[in-house]
Amino acid sequence: METIGAFIKKQREILKKSGRQLAKEADINSGYLSLIERDKKKPSPDILKKIAKPLHLPYEELLAKAGYLPQRKPAEEPEILRIADIAKKLPGRRRREALQILG
């Protein structure tokens, strides 16, 4: 299972943001963000709320990943089910790739 720190770092990298850029946008110390991403510190719910917005993620998702809320399986998410239905209508290789990404 992916840690909250690894998840935050991965999402930041997907958005091509530096640690300093994310820290500035979240209004937290860049050194503290580094500790979170390296799993040296567990972020509080307040810090997760600050991080969620610049990462374009639901606050609840970060709370769940950090263990503050029960984590839902992707298939339980209505949005994922809708996307999976759309992916099933794609032709051959694209359908397989999309469904593989969705898990």
C-alpha atoms as a PDB file:
ATOM      1  CA  MET A   1       0.000   0.000   0.000  1.00  0.00           C
ATOM      2  CA  GLU A   2       1.307   3.422  -0.958  1.00  0.00           C
ATOM      3  CA  THR A   3       2.121   5.778   1.899  1.00  0.00           C
ATOM      4  CA  ILE A   4       0.596   9.243   2.151  1.00  0.00           C
ATOM      5  CA  GLY A   5       4.020  10.801   1.581  1.00  0.00           C
ATOM      6  CA  ALA A   6       4.693   8.780  -1.573  1.00  0.00           C
ATOM      7  CA  PHE A   7       1.184   9.554  -2.833  1.00  0.00           C
ATOM      8  CA  ILE A   8       1.606  13.312  -2.329  1.00  0.00           C
ATOM      9  CA  LYS A   9       5.005  13.252  -4.033  1.00  0.00           C
ATOM     10  CA  LYS A  10       3.644  11.256  -6.980  1.00  0.00           C
ATOM     11  CA  GLN A  11       0.721  13.646  -7.431  1.00  0.00           C
ATOM     12  CA  ARG A  12       3.058  16.636  -7.221  1.00  0.00           C
ATOM     13  CA  GLU A  13       5.342  15.132  -9.859  1.00  0.00           C
ATOM     14  CA  ILE A  14       2.403  14.357 -12.148  1.00  0.00           C
ATOM     15  CA  LEU A  15       1.537  18.053 -12.026  1.00  0.00           C
ATOM     16  CA  LYS A  16       5.217  18.885 -12.659  1.00  0.00           C
ATOM     17  CA  LYS A  17       5.424  21.025  -9.540  1.00  0.00           C
ATOM     18  CA  SER A  18       8.554  21.386  -7.458  1.00  0.00           C
ATOM     19  CA  GLY A  19       8.405  20.763  -3.736  1.00  0.00           C
ATOM     20  CA  ARG A  20       8.950  24.455  -3.122  1.00  0.00           C
ATOM     21  CA  GLN A  21       6.165  25.393  -5.526  1.00  0.00           C
ATOM     22  CA  LEU A  22       3.671  23.048  -3.852  1.00  0.00           C
ATOM     23  CA  ALA A  23       4.739  24.207  -0.393  1.00  0.00           C
ATOM     24  CA  LYS A  24       4.237  27.833  -1.391  1.00  0.00           C
ATOM     25  CA  GLU A  25       0.813  27.148  -2.923  1.00  0.00           C
ATOM     26  CA  ALA A  26      -0.216  25.152   0.163  1.00  0.00           C
ATOM     27  CA  ASP A  27       1.230  27.784   2.505  1.00  0.00           C
ATOM     28  CA  ILE A  28       3.433  25.291   4.350  1.00  0.00           C
ATOM     29  CA  ASN A  29       7.179  25.104   4.917  1.00  0.00           C
ATOM     30  CA  SER A  30       9.050  23.340   2.071  1.00  0.00           C
ATOM     31  CA  GLY A  31      11.201  21.466   4.578  1.00  0.00           C
ATOM     32  CA  TYR A  32       8.081  20.161   6.296  1.00  0.00           C
ATOM     33  CA  LEU A  33       6.646  19.054   2.920  1.00  0.00           C
ATOM     34  CA  SER A  34       9.884  17.196   2.260  1.00  0.00           C
ATOM     35  CA  LEU A  35       9.549  15.385   5.602  1.00  0.00           C
ATOM     36  CA  ILE A  36       5.962  14.432   4.716  1.00  0.00           C
ATOM     37  CA  GLU A  37       6.946  13.139   1.272  1.00  0.00           C
ATOM     38  CA  ARG A  38       9.744  11.046   2.814  1.00  0.00           C
ATOM     39  CA  ASP A  39       7.316   9.707   5.451  1.00  0.00           C
ATOM     40  CA  LYS A  40       9.312  11.220   8.303  1.00  0.00           C
ATOM     41  CA  LYS A  41       6.254  13.179   9.480  1.00  0.00           C
ATOM     42  CA  LYS A  42       2.577  12.302   9.298  1.00  0.00           C
ATOM     43  CA  PRO A  43       0.603  15.312   8.079  1.00  0.00           C
ATOM     44  CA  SER A  44      -2.263  16.537  10.235  1.00  0.00           C
ATOM     45  CA  PRO A  45      -5.741  16.898   8.726  1.00  0.00           C
ATOM     46  CA  ASP A  46      -5.184  20.683   8.598  1.00  0.00           C
ATOM     47  CA  ILE A  47      -1.986  20.256   6.552  1.00  0.00           C
ATOM     48  CA  LEU A  48      -3.695  17.771   4.239  1.00  0.00           C
ATOM     49  CA  LYS A  49      -6.446  20.308   3.631  1.00  0.00           C
ATOM     50  CA  LYS A  50      -3.832  22.864   2.592  1.00  0.00           C
ATOM     51  CA  ILE A  51      -2.107  20.360   0.282  1.00  0.00           C
ATOM     52  CA  ALA A  52      -5.299  19.055  -1.365  1.00  0.00           C
ATOM     53  CA  LYS A  53      -6.220  22.221  -3.257  1.00  0.00           C
ATOM     54  CA  PRO A  54      -2.957  22.813  -5.186  1.00  0.00           C
ATOM     55  CA  LEU A  55      -2.826  19.085  -6.015  1.00  0.00           C
ATOM     56  CA  HIS A  56      -6.424  19.262  -7.334  1.00  0.00           C
ATOM     57  CA  LEU A  57      -7.443  16.375  -5.081  1.00  0.00           C
ATOM     58  CA  PRO A  58     -10.443  15.920  -2.816  1.00  0.00           C
ATOM     59  CA  TYR A  59      -9.535  16.589   0.803  1.00  0.00           C
ATOM     60  CA  GLU A  60     -11.343  13.392   1.800  1.00  0.00           C
ATOM     61  CA  GLU A  61      -9.084  11.340  -0.468  1.00  0.00           C
ATOM     62  CA  LEU A  62      -5.984  12.609   1.313  1.00  0.00           C
ATOM     63  CA  LEU A  63      -7.614  12.006   4.702  1.00  0.00           C
ATOM     64  CA  ALA A  64      -8.329   8.409   3.687  1.00  0.00           C
ATOM     65  CA  LYS A  65      -4.819   7.849   2.304  1.00  0.00           C
ATOM     66  CA  ALA A  66      -3.374   9.166   5.575  1.00  0.00           C
ATOM     67  CA  GLY A  67      -5.564   6.833   7.624  1.00  0.00           C
ATOM     68  CA  TYR A  68      -7.892   9.446   9.099  1.00  0.00           C
ATOM     69  CA  LEU A  69     -10.910   8.037   7.203  1.00  0.00           C
ATOM     70  CA  PRO A  70     -11.714   4.540   5.939  1.00  0.00           C
ATOM     71  CA  GLN A  71     -10.333   4.146   2.429  1.00  0.00           C
ATOM     72  CA  ARG A  72     -12.809   3.307  -0.299  1.00  0.00           C
ATOM     73  CA  LYS A  73     -12.017   0.853  -3.039  1.00  0.00           C
ATOM     74  CA  PRO A  74     -11.900   2.471  -6.499  1.00  0.00           C
ATOM     75  CA  ALA A  75     -14.902   0.414  -7.656  1.00  0.00           C
ATOM     76  CA  GLU A  76     -16.991   2.005  -4.901  1.00  0.00           C
ATOM     77  CA  GLU A  77     -16.470   5.468  -6.371  1.00  0.00           C
ATOM     78  CA  PRO A  78     -19.403   6.460  -8.631  1.00  0.00           C
ATOM     79  CA  GLU A  79     -17.119   8.587 -10.823  1.00  0.00           C
ATOM     80  CA  ILE A  80     -14.797   5.628 -11.436  1.00  0.00           C
ATOM     81  CA  LEU A  81     -17.734   3.420 -12.368  1.00  0.00           C
ATOM     82  CA  ARG A  82     -18.919   6.007 -14.886  1.00  0.00           C
ATOM     83  CA  ILE A  83     -15.447   6.293 -16.394  1.00  0.00           C
ATOM     84  CA  ALA A  84     -15.130   2.502 -16.539  1.00  0.00           C
ATOM     85  CA  ASP A  85     -18.400   2.301 -18.484  1.00  0.00           C
ATOM     86  CA  ILE A  86     -17.050   4.823 -20.980  1.00  0.00           C
ATOM     87  CA  ALA A  87     -13.729   2.945 -21.218  1.00  0.00           C
ATOM     88  CA  LYS A  88     -15.559  -0.307 -22.030  1.00  0.00           C
ATOM     89  CA  LYS A  89     -16.928   1.353 -25.171  1.00  0.00           C
ATOM     90  CA  LEU A  90     -13.475   2.214 -26.518  1.00  0.00           C
ATOM     91  CA  PRO A  91     -12.023   0.116 -29.352  1.00  0.00           C
ATOM     92  CA  GLY A  92      -9.676  -2.840 -28.651  1.00  0.00           C
ATOM     93  CA  ARG A  93      -6.249  -1.746 -27.451  1.00  0.00           C
ATOM     94  CA  ARG A  94      -7.461   1.586 -26.073  1.00  0.00           C
ATOM     95  CA  ARG A  95     -10.154  -0.205 -24.046  1.00  0.00           C
ATOM     96  CA  ARG A  96      -7.590  -2.604 -22.545  1.00  0.00           C
ATOM     97  CA  GLU A  97      -5.228   0.250 -21.689  1.00  0.00           C
ATOM     98  CA  ALA A  98      -7.963   2.365 -20.118  1.00  0.00           C
ATOM     99  CA  LEU A  99      -9.328  -0.517 -18.056  1.00  0.00           C
ATOM    100  CA  GLN A 100      -5.817  -1.433 -16.940  1.00  0.00           C
ATOM    101  CA  ILE A 101      -5.274   2.116 -15.674  1.00  0.00           C
ATOM    102  CA  LEU A 102      -8.587   2.026 -13.806  1.00  0.00           C
ATOM    103  CA  GLY A 103      -7.608  -1.264 -12.175  1.00  0.00           C
END
